[in-house]
Structures are given as structure tokens and as C-alpha cells.
Amino acid sequence: MERIMKFSEDPEAGRRGEFEVPPKASWFLGSESFKAKLDDLVKGRTEKDTFRGEQRRDHGISEAERLLALCLQILEMKEEDLYASKNTRLEKQAVAWVLKTKTTVTGVWIAEKLQMGHRVNASKAISRFRNSEEVEVINLKSKMLQSTA
């Protein structure tokens, strides 16, 4: 559409081939609220991942934000309480683990969002939680997985 609009504004440039660069691919055209509605509509409708680059990143972030809100509800915690807690707190580790397990966001994003310092801190917390065999952790994993399915 953009190429057609530019061509109609400047037909000479169009004849010279100045608009022959293909437009950047995008999976939606509209506002951010429209994009969110599309996300909701297609969620779970396809098993094939067709997202690429920036699209995958945007989708991962919106899904991570949704899961974060859900985790806070499950844990009955306020956002600021989770962020202020230590990285050794099981609830914080559980949220980081859910975000890493169920989304495409990076460790850097998780560390920044959950205020865990460097990405290595987030990675260690996730690994500690994932590998723990403590009954409390196993129960928390089960609760989080059931509630975020």
C-alpha cells in the first residue's frame, strides 16, 4: 500500500524504480490495541510458529506480560513486592522460570523486568528453581504450570 501511495504522489520516481524495494513484512496493520486483539484471537489456534525476528520478540513480550500478571494473581502478590524481593525467594524464581519456559523472551528481559540485576542472576535463579527437588518447589511448579496452561 505504501508503494502505491508513493507512486501516485511521484509517478516519475516510480518509473525509475525508486519504490522497488519490497516493504518490510509485518503480520498486522493497525494500532497496538488491534494487535493485542489479534494476539488473543490467534492464541492457541496454530501449532506452527510463523513469527520471525521482531514479530517473535513482540509476541514473546506480550505473552510474558500476560503470564506475569497471571503469576502475580496465582501468588497473590503485588508487582512491586515481587520486584523488591530477593532473587532467592521461591516466588520470584517461579515467575522467572514460567517466563523462560513458556515464552520467547530473553534472560536479559526477565532480569530487567523482575529487577534481578544481571541476566546471569536470572539464569541462576531459573536453573536453581528448575533443578530443585524440594517438595515446596515441586508443589509451586505444579501450581504455576496448571494455572498458566
N, C-alpha and C. Protein backbone atom coordinates (compact mmCIF):
# COMPACT_ATOMS: atom_id res chain seq x y z
N MET A 1 0.82 -1.19 0.00
CA MET A 1 0.00 0.00 0.00
C MET A 1 0.86 1.25 0.00
N GLU A 2 1.93 1.19 0.81
CA GLU A 2 2.82 2.35 0.88
C GLU A 2 3.45 2.64 -0.48
N ARG A 3 3.85 1.59 -1.20
CA ARG A 3 4.45 1.77 -2.52
C ARG A 3 3.46 2.41 -3.48
N ILE A 4 2.21 1.97 -3.44
CA ILE A 4 1.19 2.53 -4.33
C ILE A 4 0.96 4.00 -4.02
N MET A 5 0.89 4.33 -2.72
CA MET A 5 0.69 5.72 -2.33
C MET A 5 1.86 6.58 -2.80
N LYS A 6 3.08 6.11 -2.62
CA LYS A 6 4.24 6.88 -3.04
C LYS A 6 4.26 7.04 -4.55
N PHE A 7 3.93 5.96 -5.27
CA PHE A 7 3.91 6.02 -6.72
C PHE A 7 2.90 7.04 -7.22
N SER A 8 1.71 7.06 -6.56
CA SER A 8 0.69 8.01 -7.01
C SER A 8 1.12 9.44 -6.73
N GLU A 9 1.93 9.66 -5.70
CA GLU A 9 2.42 11.00 -5.40
C GLU A 9 3.54 11.44 -6.34
N ASP A 10 4.35 10.46 -6.79
CA ASP A 10 5.50 10.79 -7.64
C ASP A 10 5.68 9.70 -8.70
N PRO A 11 4.87 9.74 -9.78
CA PRO A 11 4.93 8.70 -10.81
C PRO A 11 6.31 8.57 -11.47
N GLU A 12 7.02 9.66 -11.61
CA GLU A 12 8.36 9.61 -12.23
C GLU A 12 9.31 8.75 -11.41
N ALA A 13 9.29 8.95 -10.10
CA ALA A 13 10.15 8.15 -9.21
C ALA A 13 9.76 6.68 -9.33
N GLY A 14 8.48 6.41 -9.47
CA GLY A 14 8.02 5.04 -9.64
C GLY A 14 8.54 4.42 -10.92
N ARG A 15 8.54 5.18 -12.00
CA ARG A 15 9.05 4.69 -13.28
C ARG A 15 10.55 4.41 -13.21
N ARG A 16 11.26 5.20 -12.40
CA ARG A 16 12.70 4.99 -12.25
C ARG A 16 13.01 3.80 -11.33
N GLY A 17 11.98 3.23 -10.72
CA GLY A 17 12.20 2.06 -9.87
C GLY A 17 12.57 2.38 -8.44
N GLU A 18 12.35 3.61 -8.01
CA GLU A 18 12.74 4.01 -6.66
C GLU A 18 11.90 3.33 -5.58
N PHE A 19 10.79 2.78 -5.95
CA PHE A 19 9.93 2.15 -4.95
C PHE A 19 9.93 0.63 -5.08
N GLU A 20 10.97 0.09 -5.71
CA GLU A 20 11.01 -1.34 -5.95
C GLU A 20 11.50 -2.15 -4.76
N VAL A 21 11.96 -1.50 -3.72
CA VAL A 21 12.36 -2.22 -2.51
C VAL A 21 11.09 -2.74 -1.85
N PRO A 22 11.01 -4.05 -1.62
CA PRO A 22 9.78 -4.58 -1.03
C PRO A 22 9.58 -4.03 0.38
N PRO A 23 8.35 -3.80 0.75
CA PRO A 23 8.09 -3.30 2.10
C PRO A 23 8.43 -4.34 3.14
N LYS A 24 8.75 -3.88 4.34
CA LYS A 24 9.07 -4.77 5.45
C LYS A 24 7.83 -5.59 5.80
N ALA A 25 8.01 -6.88 5.94
CA ALA A 25 6.88 -7.76 6.26
C ALA A 25 6.41 -7.52 7.69
N SER A 26 5.14 -7.62 7.89
CA SER A 26 4.55 -7.48 9.21
C SER A 26 3.31 -8.34 9.26
N TRP A 27 2.99 -8.83 10.42
CA TRP A 27 1.85 -9.73 10.50
C TRP A 27 0.56 -9.01 10.86
N PHE A 28 0.59 -7.71 11.00
CA PHE A 28 -0.63 -6.97 11.25
C PHE A 28 -0.46 -5.55 10.75
N LEU A 29 -1.58 -4.89 10.53
CA LEU A 29 -1.58 -3.49 10.15
C LEU A 29 -2.64 -2.82 11.00
N GLY A 30 -2.23 -1.98 11.92
CA GLY A 30 -3.19 -1.32 12.81
C GLY A 30 -2.54 -0.86 14.09
N SER A 31 -3.38 -0.47 15.03
CA SER A 31 -2.91 0.06 16.31
C SER A 31 -2.44 -1.06 17.23
N GLU A 32 -1.81 -0.67 18.34
CA GLU A 32 -1.36 -1.64 19.33
C GLU A 32 -2.54 -2.39 19.95
N SER A 33 -3.68 -1.71 20.15
CA SER A 33 -4.85 -2.40 20.71
C SER A 33 -5.38 -3.43 19.71
N PHE A 34 -5.34 -3.10 18.42
CA PHE A 34 -5.74 -4.06 17.40
C PHE A 34 -4.80 -5.26 17.41
N LYS A 35 -3.50 -4.99 17.56
CA LYS A 35 -2.51 -6.06 17.63
C LYS A 35 -2.79 -6.98 18.81
N ALA A 36 -3.14 -6.40 19.95
CA ALA A 36 -3.46 -7.20 21.14
C ALA A 36 -4.68 -8.09 20.89
N LYS A 37 -5.69 -7.53 20.19
CA LYS A 37 -6.88 -8.32 19.86
C LYS A 37 -6.52 -9.48 18.93
N LEU A 38 -5.65 -9.21 17.96
CA LEU A 38 -5.20 -10.28 17.07
C LEU A 38 -4.48 -11.37 17.85
N ASP A 39 -3.60 -10.96 18.77
CA ASP A 39 -2.89 -11.93 19.61
C ASP A 39 -3.88 -12.83 20.32
N ASP A 40 -4.92 -12.24 20.90
CA ASP A 40 -5.93 -13.01 21.63
C ASP A 40 -6.68 -13.97 20.70
N LEU A 41 -6.98 -13.50 19.50
CA LEU A 41 -7.74 -14.33 18.55
C LEU A 41 -6.96 -15.54 18.07
N VAL A 42 -5.66 -15.37 17.81
CA VAL A 42 -4.89 -16.47 17.24
C VAL A 42 -4.20 -17.34 18.28
N LYS A 43 -4.22 -16.92 19.52
CA LYS A 43 -3.56 -17.67 20.58
C LYS A 43 -4.09 -19.10 20.63
N GLY A 44 -3.21 -20.05 20.46
CA GLY A 44 -3.59 -21.44 20.55
C GLY A 44 -4.25 -22.00 19.30
N ARG A 45 -4.40 -21.23 18.25
CA ARG A 45 -5.08 -21.71 17.05
C ARG A 45 -4.14 -22.46 16.10
N THR A 46 -2.86 -22.24 16.26
CA THR A 46 -1.92 -22.89 15.35
C THR A 46 -0.74 -23.42 16.14
N GLU A 47 -0.24 -24.57 15.73
CA GLU A 47 0.93 -25.13 16.38
C GLU A 47 2.21 -24.71 15.67
N LYS A 48 2.06 -24.27 14.43
CA LYS A 48 3.22 -23.88 13.64
C LYS A 48 3.63 -22.45 14.00
N ASP A 49 4.89 -22.27 14.32
CA ASP A 49 5.42 -20.95 14.66
C ASP A 49 5.83 -20.25 13.37
N THR A 50 5.14 -19.16 13.05
CA THR A 50 5.47 -18.43 11.83
C THR A 50 6.04 -17.06 12.14
N PHE A 51 6.32 -16.77 13.41
CA PHE A 51 6.88 -15.48 13.77
C PHE A 51 8.37 -15.43 13.43
N ARG A 52 8.84 -14.26 13.06
CA ARG A 52 10.25 -14.07 12.75
C ARG A 52 10.74 -12.79 13.40
N GLY A 53 11.99 -12.80 13.85
CA GLY A 53 12.66 -11.61 14.34
C GLY A 53 11.86 -10.74 15.28
N GLU A 54 11.58 -9.53 14.85
CA GLU A 54 10.87 -8.55 15.68
C GLU A 54 9.46 -9.03 16.04
N GLN A 55 8.82 -9.73 15.13
CA GLN A 55 7.48 -10.24 15.40
C GLN A 55 7.51 -11.23 16.56
N ARG A 56 8.49 -12.13 16.55
CA ARG A 56 8.63 -13.10 17.64
C ARG A 56 8.89 -12.37 18.96
N ARG A 57 9.75 -11.38 18.91
CA ARG A 57 10.10 -10.62 20.12
C ARG A 57 8.85 -9.91 20.67
N ASP A 58 8.09 -9.24 19.80
CA ASP A 58 6.88 -8.54 20.24
C ASP A 58 5.87 -9.51 20.83
N HIS A 59 5.68 -10.64 20.16
CA HIS A 59 4.73 -11.64 20.66
C HIS A 59 5.20 -12.19 22.00
N GLY A 60 6.51 -12.47 22.10
CA GLY A 60 7.05 -13.01 23.35
C GLY A 60 6.85 -12.06 24.51
N ILE A 61 7.05 -10.78 24.26
CA ILE A 61 6.89 -9.78 25.32
C ILE A 61 5.43 -9.67 25.73
N SER A 62 4.51 -9.63 24.78
CA SER A 62 3.09 -9.52 25.15
C SER A 62 2.64 -10.75 25.90
N GLU A 63 3.12 -11.93 25.51
CA GLU A 63 2.77 -13.16 26.23
C GLU A 63 3.41 -13.16 27.61
N ALA A 64 4.65 -12.70 27.71
CA ALA A 64 5.33 -12.63 29.02
C ALA A 64 4.60 -11.68 29.96
N GLU A 65 4.15 -10.55 29.46
CA GLU A 65 3.40 -9.59 30.28
C GLU A 65 2.10 -10.22 30.78
N ARG A 66 1.42 -10.96 29.89
CA ARG A 66 0.17 -11.63 30.27
C ARG A 66 0.44 -12.68 31.35
N LEU A 67 1.49 -13.48 31.16
CA LEU A 67 1.82 -14.51 32.14
C LEU A 67 2.29 -13.92 33.46
N LEU A 68 3.01 -12.82 33.40
CA LEU A 68 3.45 -12.15 34.63
C LEU A 68 2.25 -11.73 35.46
N ALA A 69 1.26 -11.12 34.83
CA ALA A 69 0.05 -10.70 35.54
C ALA A 69 -0.67 -11.91 36.12
N LEU A 70 -0.72 -13.00 35.37
CA LEU A 70 -1.36 -14.23 35.84
C LEU A 70 -0.60 -14.82 37.03
N CYS A 71 0.71 -14.84 36.96
CA CYS A 71 1.54 -15.34 38.06
C CYS A 71 1.33 -14.53 39.33
N LEU A 72 1.25 -13.23 39.18
CA LEU A 72 1.02 -12.37 40.35
C LEU A 72 -0.33 -12.70 41.00
N GLN A 73 -1.34 -12.97 40.18
CA GLN A 73 -2.64 -13.37 40.72
C GLN A 73 -2.53 -14.70 41.46
N ILE A 74 -1.88 -15.67 40.83
CA ILE A 74 -1.73 -17.00 41.42
C ILE A 74 -1.01 -16.91 42.77
N LEU A 75 0.04 -16.10 42.82
CA LEU A 75 0.85 -15.97 44.03
C LEU A 75 0.26 -14.97 45.01
N GLU A 76 -0.80 -14.29 44.59
CA GLU A 76 -1.43 -13.25 45.41
C GLU A 76 -0.39 -12.23 45.88
N MET A 77 0.38 -11.74 44.90
CA MET A 77 1.44 -10.77 45.18
C MET A 77 1.22 -9.51 44.37
N LYS A 78 1.72 -8.42 44.89
CA LYS A 78 1.74 -7.17 44.14
C LYS A 78 3.03 -7.14 43.33
N GLU A 79 2.94 -6.47 42.20
CA GLU A 79 4.09 -6.36 41.30
C GLU A 79 5.32 -5.80 42.03
N GLU A 80 5.11 -4.71 42.76
CA GLU A 80 6.25 -4.07 43.42
C GLU A 80 6.86 -4.96 44.51
N ASP A 81 6.04 -5.81 45.15
CA ASP A 81 6.57 -6.73 46.16
C ASP A 81 7.45 -7.81 45.51
N LEU A 82 7.01 -8.29 44.35
CA LEU A 82 7.80 -9.28 43.63
C LEU A 82 9.13 -8.67 43.20
N TYR A 83 9.08 -7.48 42.63
CA TYR A 83 10.31 -6.83 42.15
C TYR A 83 11.28 -6.54 43.30
N ALA A 84 10.75 -6.17 44.45
CA ALA A 84 11.60 -5.82 45.59
C ALA A 84 12.18 -7.04 46.30
N SER A 85 11.61 -8.21 46.04
CA SER A 85 12.07 -9.41 46.75
C SER A 85 13.44 -9.86 46.23
N LYS A 86 14.11 -10.65 47.06
CA LYS A 86 15.44 -11.16 46.70
C LYS A 86 15.31 -12.23 45.62
N ASN A 87 16.38 -12.41 44.88
CA ASN A 87 16.38 -13.41 43.81
C ASN A 87 16.30 -14.84 44.34
N THR A 88 16.54 -15.01 45.62
CA THR A 88 16.47 -16.34 46.22
C THR A 88 15.05 -16.70 46.67
N ARG A 89 14.15 -15.74 46.62
CA ARG A 89 12.76 -16.01 47.01
C ARG A 89 12.11 -16.93 45.97
N LEU A 90 11.51 -18.01 46.44
CA LEU A 90 10.94 -19.01 45.54
C LEU A 90 9.91 -18.44 44.58
N GLU A 91 9.09 -17.52 45.05
CA GLU A 91 8.06 -16.95 44.19
C GLU A 91 8.67 -16.20 43.00
N LYS A 92 9.75 -15.47 43.26
CA LYS A 92 10.42 -14.73 42.19
C LYS A 92 11.07 -15.71 41.21
N GLN A 93 11.68 -16.76 41.74
CA GLN A 93 12.28 -17.78 40.89
C GLN A 93 11.20 -18.47 40.05
N ALA A 94 10.05 -18.71 40.66
CA ALA A 94 8.95 -19.38 39.95
C ALA A 94 8.46 -18.54 38.78
N VAL A 95 8.31 -17.25 38.99
CA VAL A 95 7.84 -16.36 37.93
C VAL A 95 8.88 -16.31 36.81
N ALA A 96 10.14 -16.18 37.16
CA ALA A 96 11.21 -16.15 36.15
C ALA A 96 11.21 -17.46 35.36
N TRP A 97 11.03 -18.57 36.04
CA TRP A 97 11.01 -19.89 35.40
C TRP A 97 9.83 -20.01 34.44
N VAL A 98 8.65 -19.55 34.85
CA VAL A 98 7.48 -19.59 33.97
C VAL A 98 7.73 -18.76 32.73
N LEU A 99 8.25 -17.56 32.91
CA LEU A 99 8.50 -16.67 31.76
C LEU A 99 9.51 -17.28 30.80
N LYS A 100 10.55 -17.91 31.32
CA LYS A 100 11.58 -18.51 30.47
C LYS A 100 11.05 -19.77 29.79
N THR A 101 10.23 -20.54 30.50
CA THR A 101 9.72 -21.81 29.99
C THR A 101 8.62 -21.62 28.94
N LYS A 102 7.77 -20.62 29.15
CA LYS A 102 6.57 -20.51 28.32
C LYS A 102 6.58 -19.37 27.30
N THR A 103 7.67 -18.61 27.23
CA THR A 103 7.73 -17.50 26.27
C THR A 103 9.07 -17.50 25.55
N THR A 104 9.21 -16.58 24.63
CA THR A 104 10.47 -16.45 23.88
C THR A 104 11.30 -15.27 24.37
N VAL A 105 10.93 -14.67 25.51
CA VAL A 105 11.71 -13.53 26.00
C VAL A 105 13.09 -13.99 26.45
N THR A 106 14.02 -13.08 26.43
CA THR A 106 15.41 -13.39 26.78
C THR A 106 15.63 -13.29 28.29
N GLY A 107 16.74 -13.85 28.71
CA GLY A 107 17.14 -13.72 30.11
C GLY A 107 17.38 -12.28 30.50
N VAL A 108 17.86 -11.49 29.56
CA VAL A 108 18.07 -10.07 29.81
C VAL A 108 16.73 -9.40 30.11
N TRP A 109 15.71 -9.69 29.31
CA TRP A 109 14.39 -9.11 29.51
C TRP A 109 13.84 -9.52 30.88
N ILE A 110 13.96 -10.80 31.22
CA ILE A 110 13.46 -11.29 32.51
C ILE A 110 14.18 -10.60 33.66
N ALA A 111 15.51 -10.52 33.57
CA ALA A 111 16.29 -9.88 34.63
C ALA A 111 15.90 -8.43 34.81
N GLU A 112 15.70 -7.71 33.70
CA GLU A 112 15.31 -6.30 33.80
C GLU A 112 13.89 -6.17 34.34
N LYS A 113 12.98 -6.95 33.82
CA LYS A 113 11.57 -6.84 34.21
C LYS A 113 11.37 -7.19 35.69
N LEU A 114 12.02 -8.24 36.15
CA LEU A 114 11.85 -8.69 37.53
C LEU A 114 12.85 -8.06 38.49
N GLN A 115 13.65 -7.14 37.94
CA GLN A 115 14.66 -6.42 38.74
C GLN A 115 15.59 -7.41 39.46
N MET A 116 16.22 -8.26 38.65
CA MET A 116 17.11 -9.29 39.17
C MET A 116 18.58 -8.96 38.94
N GLY A 117 18.86 -7.75 38.46
CA GLY A 117 20.24 -7.37 38.18
C GLY A 117 20.66 -7.91 36.82
N HIS A 118 21.83 -8.49 36.76
CA HIS A 118 22.39 -9.02 35.51
C HIS A 118 21.63 -10.26 35.07
N ARG A 119 21.63 -10.55 33.77
CA ARG A 119 20.92 -11.71 33.24
C ARG A 119 21.42 -13.03 33.83
N VAL A 120 22.69 -13.05 34.25
CA VAL A 120 23.24 -14.26 34.86
C VAL A 120 22.50 -14.56 36.17
N ASN A 121 22.12 -13.52 36.90
CA ASN A 121 21.35 -13.72 38.13
C ASN A 121 20.02 -14.39 37.83
N ALA A 122 19.36 -13.94 36.78
CA ALA A 122 18.08 -14.54 36.38
C ALA A 122 18.30 -15.99 35.97
N SER A 123 19.33 -16.23 35.19
CA SER A 123 19.63 -17.57 34.71
C SER A 123 19.91 -18.53 35.87
N LYS A 124 20.68 -18.07 36.85
CA LYS A 124 20.98 -18.91 38.02
C LYS A 124 19.72 -19.19 38.83
N ALA A 125 18.88 -18.17 39.01
CA ALA A 125 17.63 -18.35 39.77
C ALA A 125 16.71 -19.34 39.06
N ILE A 126 16.60 -19.22 37.74
CA ILE A 126 15.75 -20.13 36.97
C ILE A 126 16.29 -21.55 37.06
N SER A 127 17.58 -21.70 36.91
CA SER A 127 18.21 -23.02 36.98
C SER A 127 18.05 -23.65 38.36
N ARG A 128 18.24 -22.85 39.39
CA ARG A 128 18.08 -23.33 40.77
C ARG A 128 16.65 -23.85 40.98
N PHE A 129 15.68 -23.07 40.52
CA PHE A 129 14.28 -23.44 40.67
C PHE A 129 13.96 -24.69 39.84
N ARG A 130 14.40 -24.71 38.59
CA ARG A 130 14.12 -25.83 37.68
C ARG A 130 14.69 -27.14 38.21
N ASN A 131 15.88 -27.10 38.79
CA ASN A 131 16.56 -28.32 39.22
C ASN A 131 16.26 -28.74 40.65
N SER A 132 15.56 -27.91 41.40
CA SER A 132 15.28 -28.22 42.79
C SER A 132 14.33 -29.40 42.93
N GLU A 133 14.60 -30.23 43.92
CA GLU A 133 13.73 -31.37 44.21
C GLU A 133 13.03 -31.20 45.55
N GLU A 134 13.07 -30.00 46.09
CA GLU A 134 12.38 -29.73 47.35
C GLU A 134 10.87 -29.82 47.11
N VAL A 135 10.16 -30.34 48.08
CA VAL A 135 8.72 -30.53 47.97
C VAL A 135 8.02 -29.20 47.72
N GLU A 136 8.45 -28.15 48.41
CA GLU A 136 7.84 -26.83 48.24
C GLU A 136 7.98 -26.33 46.80
N VAL A 137 9.14 -26.56 46.20
CA VAL A 137 9.38 -26.13 44.82
C VAL A 137 8.55 -26.97 43.85
N ILE A 138 8.52 -28.27 44.06
CA ILE A 138 7.74 -29.17 43.20
C ILE A 138 6.27 -28.78 43.22
N ASN A 139 5.74 -28.49 44.40
CA ASN A 139 4.35 -28.07 44.52
C ASN A 139 4.10 -26.73 43.82
N LEU A 140 5.04 -25.79 43.98
CA LEU A 140 4.91 -24.49 43.34
C LEU A 140 4.98 -24.61 41.81
N LYS A 141 5.87 -25.46 41.32
CA LYS A 141 5.96 -25.71 39.86
C LYS A 141 4.63 -26.23 39.35
N SER A 142 4.08 -27.20 40.04
CA SER A 142 2.81 -27.79 39.62
C SER A 142 1.70 -26.76 39.60
N LYS A 143 1.63 -25.96 40.64
CA LYS A 143 0.60 -24.91 40.74
C LYS A 143 0.74 -23.90 39.60
N MET A 144 1.98 -23.50 39.34
CA MET A 144 2.22 -22.50 38.28
C MET A 144 1.90 -23.07 36.90
N LEU A 145 2.29 -24.30 36.65
CA LEU A 145 2.04 -24.90 35.34
C LEU A 145 0.54 -25.11 35.10
N GLN A 146 -0.16 -25.58 36.11
CA GLN A 146 -1.61 -25.79 35.97
C GLN A 146 -2.34 -24.49 35.72
N SER A 147 -1.92 -23.46 36.40
CA SER A 147 -2.62 -22.18 36.33
C SER A 147 -2.27 -21.36 35.08
N THR A 148 -1.13 -21.65 34.47
CA THR A 148 -0.72 -20.89 33.29
C THR A 148 -0.86 -21.68 32.00
N ALA A 149 -1.46 -22.84 32.08
CA ALA A 149 -1.62 -23.70 30.88
C ALA A 149 -2.53 -23.08 29.86
